Amino acid sequence: MLRIGFLVTVGAVFIAATGPAMAKGNAEAAAPIVAEYCTACHVIPGYKPRFAKGEVDAPDFQKMADHPNVYTHERLKTFLSKPHFPMTKYILSASDIDNLVAFIEALRKK
């Protein structure tokens, strides 16, 4: 019984230590979501916007990427995790959120 407890503890420590690294998103996997949904309100480099200029007051993806001190990884994840106008009809999975954050972060100038 002690051995099983030890293995569970070691496994939990391993998952805790590697979890954030494994949870990192895939910017390329976000492309279909970006094209289908995000372009309805946001200006995104490489994508044609689907709204009239001045019609929507949503942050430009490049501007978010260029201000990592304001649009931190955690702030982006938190914001996308909570329904907000006009995105109340979109339900994003945890992996969708990770992928979208990775997409925005990939736009950052190195």
N, C-alpha and C. Protein backbone atom coordinates (compact mmCIF):
# COMPACT_ATOMS: atom_id res chain seq x y z
N MET A 1 0.83 -1.20 0.00
CA MET A 1 0.00 0.00 0.00
C MET A 1 0.87 1.26 0.00
N LEU A 2 1.96 1.21 0.74
CA LEU A 2 2.88 2.34 0.81
C LEU A 2 3.48 2.62 -0.56
N ARG A 3 3.77 1.55 -1.30
CA ARG A 3 4.37 1.70 -2.63
C ARG A 3 3.40 2.40 -3.59
N ILE A 4 2.14 2.07 -3.54
CA ILE A 4 1.14 2.70 -4.39
C ILE A 4 1.03 4.18 -4.06
N GLY A 5 1.03 4.50 -2.78
CA GLY A 5 0.99 5.91 -2.35
C GLY A 5 2.20 6.67 -2.87
N PHE A 6 3.36 6.04 -2.83
CA PHE A 6 4.59 6.66 -3.32
C PHE A 6 4.49 6.92 -4.82
N LEU A 7 3.99 5.94 -5.58
CA LEU A 7 3.86 6.09 -7.03
C LEU A 7 2.86 7.19 -7.39
N VAL A 8 1.77 7.26 -6.66
CA VAL A 8 0.79 8.32 -6.89
C VAL A 8 1.41 9.68 -6.62
N THR A 9 2.17 9.79 -5.54
CA THR A 9 2.82 11.05 -5.20
C THR A 9 3.84 11.44 -6.27
N VAL A 10 4.65 10.51 -6.71
CA VAL A 10 5.64 10.79 -7.75
C VAL A 10 4.93 11.20 -9.04
N GLY A 11 3.87 10.52 -9.38
CA GLY A 11 3.11 10.87 -10.59
C GLY A 11 2.52 12.27 -10.49
N ALA A 12 1.97 12.61 -9.35
CA ALA A 12 1.39 13.95 -9.15
C ALA A 12 2.46 15.03 -9.25
N VAL A 13 3.63 14.78 -8.68
CA VAL A 13 4.72 15.74 -8.77
C VAL A 13 5.15 15.90 -10.22
N PHE A 14 5.25 14.81 -10.96
CA PHE A 14 5.64 14.86 -12.36
C PHE A 14 4.62 15.67 -13.16
N ILE A 15 3.34 15.41 -12.96
CA ILE A 15 2.30 16.13 -13.69
C ILE A 15 2.33 17.61 -13.33
N ALA A 16 2.49 17.93 -12.07
CA ALA A 16 2.55 19.33 -11.65
C ALA A 16 3.75 20.03 -12.26
N ALA A 17 4.86 19.34 -12.35
CA ALA A 17 6.08 19.94 -12.88
C ALA A 17 6.02 20.10 -14.39
N THR A 18 5.35 19.21 -15.09
CA THR A 18 5.32 19.27 -16.55
C THR A 18 4.03 19.83 -17.10
N GLY A 19 3.01 19.98 -16.28
CA GLY A 19 1.70 20.44 -16.74
C GLY A 19 1.72 21.73 -17.51
N PRO A 20 2.28 22.83 -16.99
CA PRO A 20 2.27 24.07 -17.73
C PRO A 20 2.99 23.96 -19.07
N ALA A 21 4.08 23.22 -19.12
CA ALA A 21 4.79 23.07 -20.39
C ALA A 21 3.94 22.32 -21.39
N MET A 22 3.22 21.30 -20.94
CA MET A 22 2.38 20.52 -21.83
C MET A 22 1.13 21.30 -22.23
N ALA A 23 0.71 22.23 -21.41
CA ALA A 23 -0.50 22.98 -21.67
C ALA A 23 -0.28 24.10 -22.67
N LYS A 24 0.95 24.34 -23.09
CA LYS A 24 1.24 25.40 -24.03
C LYS A 24 0.50 25.13 -25.33
N GLY A 25 -0.06 26.18 -25.90
CA GLY A 25 -0.89 26.02 -27.08
C GLY A 25 -0.11 25.91 -28.38
N ASN A 26 -0.85 25.67 -29.43
CA ASN A 26 -0.31 25.52 -30.77
C ASN A 26 -0.91 26.63 -31.63
N ALA A 27 -0.08 27.60 -32.01
CA ALA A 27 -0.55 28.75 -32.78
C ALA A 27 -1.19 28.33 -34.09
N GLU A 28 -0.62 27.34 -34.76
CA GLU A 28 -1.16 26.89 -36.04
C GLU A 28 -2.54 26.25 -35.88
N ALA A 29 -2.76 25.59 -34.76
CA ALA A 29 -4.06 24.96 -34.52
C ALA A 29 -5.16 25.99 -34.30
N ALA A 30 -4.79 27.22 -33.96
CA ALA A 30 -5.77 28.28 -33.74
C ALA A 30 -6.27 28.89 -35.04
N ALA A 31 -5.56 28.67 -36.14
CA ALA A 31 -5.90 29.31 -37.42
C ALA A 31 -7.36 29.16 -37.84
N PRO A 32 -7.98 27.98 -37.75
CA PRO A 32 -9.39 27.87 -38.15
C PRO A 32 -10.33 28.72 -37.27
N ILE A 33 -10.04 28.78 -35.98
CA ILE A 33 -10.86 29.59 -35.07
C ILE A 33 -10.68 31.07 -35.39
N VAL A 34 -9.42 31.46 -35.61
CA VAL A 34 -9.11 32.85 -35.94
C VAL A 34 -9.87 33.25 -37.22
N ALA A 35 -9.78 32.43 -38.25
CA ALA A 35 -10.42 32.73 -39.53
C ALA A 35 -11.95 32.76 -39.42
N GLU A 36 -12.50 31.82 -38.67
CA GLU A 36 -13.96 31.70 -38.59
C GLU A 36 -14.60 32.71 -37.64
N TYR A 37 -13.97 32.95 -36.50
CA TYR A 37 -14.62 33.76 -35.46
C TYR A 37 -13.92 35.09 -35.17
N CYS A 38 -12.64 35.06 -34.98
CA CYS A 38 -11.92 36.26 -34.51
C CYS A 38 -11.95 37.40 -35.52
N THR A 39 -11.90 37.05 -36.82
CA THR A 39 -11.89 38.09 -37.85
C THR A 39 -13.20 38.86 -37.93
N ALA A 40 -14.24 38.37 -37.27
CA ALA A 40 -15.51 39.08 -37.26
C ALA A 40 -15.40 40.40 -36.50
N CYS A 41 -14.44 40.50 -35.59
CA CYS A 41 -14.31 41.71 -34.77
C CYS A 41 -12.89 42.27 -34.70
N HIS A 42 -11.89 41.43 -34.87
CA HIS A 42 -10.49 41.84 -34.67
C HIS A 42 -9.74 42.01 -35.98
N VAL A 43 -8.82 42.97 -36.00
CA VAL A 43 -7.86 43.08 -37.09
C VAL A 43 -6.74 42.10 -36.75
N ILE A 44 -6.42 41.23 -37.71
CA ILE A 44 -5.43 40.18 -37.47
C ILE A 44 -4.50 40.12 -38.69
N PRO A 45 -3.20 40.25 -38.46
CA PRO A 45 -2.26 40.19 -39.59
C PRO A 45 -2.44 38.91 -40.42
N GLY A 46 -2.53 39.08 -41.73
CA GLY A 46 -2.66 37.93 -42.62
C GLY A 46 -4.09 37.46 -42.86
N TYR A 47 -5.06 38.11 -42.23
CA TYR A 47 -6.46 37.72 -42.37
C TYR A 47 -7.29 38.94 -42.79
N LYS A 48 -8.26 38.70 -43.64
CA LYS A 48 -9.15 39.77 -44.09
C LYS A 48 -10.24 39.97 -43.03
N PRO A 49 -10.39 41.22 -42.54
CA PRO A 49 -11.44 41.46 -41.54
C PRO A 49 -12.83 41.34 -42.18
N ARG A 50 -13.79 40.92 -41.37
CA ARG A 50 -15.16 40.75 -41.86
C ARG A 50 -16.09 41.81 -41.29
N PHE A 51 -15.59 43.02 -41.08
CA PHE A 51 -16.40 44.10 -40.53
C PHE A 51 -15.96 45.41 -41.16
N ALA A 52 -16.84 46.41 -41.09
CA ALA A 52 -16.49 47.73 -41.60
C ALA A 52 -15.60 48.44 -40.59
N LYS A 53 -14.59 49.14 -41.10
CA LYS A 53 -13.66 49.85 -40.23
C LYS A 53 -14.44 50.80 -39.31
N GLY A 54 -14.12 50.77 -38.03
CA GLY A 54 -14.79 51.62 -37.05
C GLY A 54 -16.09 51.04 -36.53
N GLU A 55 -16.52 49.92 -37.09
CA GLU A 55 -17.79 49.29 -36.69
C GLU A 55 -17.67 48.56 -35.36
N VAL A 56 -16.51 47.99 -35.10
CA VAL A 56 -16.30 47.19 -33.91
C VAL A 56 -15.11 47.72 -33.13
N ASP A 57 -15.24 47.76 -31.81
CA ASP A 57 -14.14 48.24 -30.97
C ASP A 57 -13.50 47.05 -30.25
N ALA A 58 -12.79 46.25 -31.03
CA ALA A 58 -12.10 45.08 -30.47
C ALA A 58 -10.60 45.29 -30.68
N PRO A 59 -9.79 44.84 -29.74
CA PRO A 59 -8.34 45.07 -29.88
C PRO A 59 -7.73 44.34 -31.07
N ASP A 60 -6.84 45.02 -31.73
CA ASP A 60 -6.06 44.49 -32.84
C ASP A 60 -5.11 43.42 -32.29
N PHE A 61 -5.07 42.25 -32.91
CA PHE A 61 -4.21 41.17 -32.41
C PHE A 61 -2.74 41.59 -32.36
N GLN A 62 -2.27 42.34 -33.37
CA GLN A 62 -0.87 42.75 -33.38
C GLN A 62 -0.58 43.70 -32.24
N LYS A 63 -1.52 44.61 -31.94
CA LYS A 63 -1.33 45.53 -30.81
C LYS A 63 -1.27 44.77 -29.50
N MET A 64 -2.11 43.74 -29.37
CA MET A 64 -2.05 42.91 -28.16
C MET A 64 -0.69 42.22 -28.07
N ALA A 65 -0.23 41.70 -29.20
CA ALA A 65 1.05 40.99 -29.22
C ALA A 65 2.21 41.93 -28.90
N ASP A 66 2.11 43.18 -29.35
CA ASP A 66 3.19 44.14 -29.15
C ASP A 66 3.24 44.72 -27.74
N HIS A 67 2.26 44.40 -26.91
CA HIS A 67 2.21 44.90 -25.52
C HIS A 67 2.09 43.75 -24.53
N PRO A 68 3.13 42.89 -24.47
CA PRO A 68 3.05 41.72 -23.58
C PRO A 68 2.98 42.07 -22.10
N ASN A 69 3.39 43.28 -21.75
CA ASN A 69 3.28 43.69 -20.35
C ASN A 69 1.83 43.99 -19.98
N VAL A 70 1.02 44.34 -20.95
CA VAL A 70 -0.40 44.60 -20.72
C VAL A 70 -1.21 43.32 -20.98
N TYR A 71 -0.95 42.69 -22.13
CA TYR A 71 -1.67 41.47 -22.52
C TYR A 71 -0.79 40.26 -22.19
N THR A 72 -0.67 39.99 -20.91
CA THR A 72 0.15 38.88 -20.46
C THR A 72 -0.50 37.55 -20.83
N HIS A 73 0.29 36.50 -20.78
CA HIS A 73 -0.21 35.15 -21.07
C HIS A 73 -1.43 34.84 -20.18
N GLU A 74 -1.29 35.06 -18.89
CA GLU A 74 -2.39 34.74 -17.96
C GLU A 74 -3.60 35.64 -18.17
N ARG A 75 -3.36 36.92 -18.48
CA ARG A 75 -4.49 37.83 -18.71
C ARG A 75 -5.28 37.40 -19.94
N LEU A 76 -4.58 37.04 -21.01
CA LEU A 76 -5.27 36.58 -22.21
C LEU A 76 -6.08 35.32 -21.93
N LYS A 77 -5.46 34.36 -21.23
CA LYS A 77 -6.17 33.11 -20.90
C LYS A 77 -7.41 33.38 -20.05
N THR A 78 -7.27 34.23 -19.05
CA THR A 78 -8.39 34.55 -18.16
C THR A 78 -9.51 35.22 -18.93
N PHE A 79 -9.14 36.19 -19.77
CA PHE A 79 -10.14 36.92 -20.54
C PHE A 79 -10.91 35.99 -21.47
N LEU A 80 -10.19 35.12 -22.17
CA LEU A 80 -10.84 34.20 -23.10
C LEU A 80 -11.66 33.12 -22.40
N SER A 81 -11.38 32.89 -21.14
CA SER A 81 -12.08 31.86 -20.37
C SER A 81 -13.45 32.30 -19.89
N LYS A 82 -13.68 33.61 -19.88
CA LYS A 82 -14.93 34.15 -19.35
C LYS A 82 -15.78 34.70 -20.49
N PRO A 83 -17.05 34.31 -20.55
CA PRO A 83 -17.92 34.88 -21.58
C PRO A 83 -18.00 36.40 -21.43
N HIS A 84 -17.92 37.11 -22.54
CA HIS A 84 -18.00 38.56 -22.53
C HIS A 84 -18.58 39.02 -23.86
N PHE A 85 -19.20 40.16 -23.83
CA PHE A 85 -19.81 40.71 -25.03
C PHE A 85 -18.72 41.15 -25.99
N PRO A 86 -18.84 40.87 -27.25
CA PRO A 86 -19.90 40.15 -27.94
C PRO A 86 -19.60 38.67 -28.12
N MET A 87 -18.65 38.16 -27.38
CA MET A 87 -18.24 36.76 -27.54
C MET A 87 -19.03 35.79 -26.67
N THR A 88 -20.15 36.21 -26.16
CA THR A 88 -20.94 35.35 -25.26
C THR A 88 -21.41 34.07 -25.94
N LYS A 89 -21.55 34.08 -27.26
CA LYS A 89 -22.05 32.88 -27.94
C LYS A 89 -20.95 31.88 -28.27
N TYR A 90 -19.70 32.26 -28.07
CA TYR A 90 -18.58 31.36 -28.36
C TYR A 90 -18.14 30.65 -27.10
N ILE A 91 -18.09 29.33 -27.16
CA ILE A 91 -17.59 28.54 -26.04
C ILE A 91 -16.28 27.93 -26.48
N LEU A 92 -15.21 28.37 -25.85
CA LEU A 92 -13.88 27.90 -26.21
C LEU A 92 -13.42 26.83 -25.22
N SER A 93 -12.86 25.76 -25.74
CA SER A 93 -12.30 24.73 -24.87
C SER A 93 -10.98 25.24 -24.31
N ALA A 94 -10.46 24.55 -23.32
CA ALA A 94 -9.17 24.92 -22.74
C ALA A 94 -8.07 24.88 -23.80
N SER A 95 -8.11 23.89 -24.68
CA SER A 95 -7.08 23.80 -25.73
C SER A 95 -7.27 24.91 -26.76
N ASP A 96 -8.52 25.30 -27.07
CA ASP A 96 -8.76 26.43 -27.97
C ASP A 96 -8.15 27.70 -27.38
N ILE A 97 -8.35 27.90 -26.09
CA ILE A 97 -7.82 29.09 -25.42
C ILE A 97 -6.30 29.07 -25.45
N ASP A 98 -5.70 27.94 -25.12
CA ASP A 98 -4.24 27.83 -25.18
C ASP A 98 -3.72 28.12 -26.59
N ASN A 99 -4.42 27.61 -27.59
CA ASN A 99 -4.01 27.81 -28.97
C ASN A 99 -4.15 29.27 -29.39
N LEU A 100 -5.23 29.93 -28.99
CA LEU A 100 -5.41 31.34 -29.32
C LEU A 100 -4.36 32.22 -28.65
N VAL A 101 -4.05 31.93 -27.40
CA VAL A 101 -3.00 32.68 -26.71
C VAL A 101 -1.67 32.46 -27.41
N ALA A 102 -1.38 31.24 -27.81
CA ALA A 102 -0.14 30.96 -28.54
C ALA A 102 -0.11 31.70 -29.86
N PHE A 103 -1.26 31.81 -30.53
CA PHE A 103 -1.36 32.53 -31.79
C PHE A 103 -0.99 33.99 -31.60
N ILE A 104 -1.58 34.62 -30.59
CA ILE A 104 -1.29 36.03 -30.31
C ILE A 104 0.17 36.21 -29.93
N GLU A 105 0.68 35.32 -29.07
CA GLU A 105 2.07 35.42 -28.64
C GLU A 105 3.04 35.19 -29.80
N ALA A 106 2.65 34.40 -30.79
CA ALA A 106 3.51 34.16 -31.96
C ALA A 106 3.67 35.42 -32.81
N LEU A 107 2.74 36.35 -32.67
CA LEU A 107 2.83 37.61 -33.42
C LEU A 107 3.84 38.58 -32.81
N ARG A 108 4.27 38.30 -31.61
CA ARG A 108 5.23 39.19 -30.92
C ARG A 108 6.54 39.28 -31.67
N LYS A 109 7.03 40.49 -31.76
CA LYS A 109 8.32 40.70 -32.42
C LYS A 109 9.41 40.25 -31.49
N LYS A 110 10.27 39.44 -31.98
CA LYS A 110 11.34 38.87 -31.16
C LYS A 110 12.48 39.86 -31.00
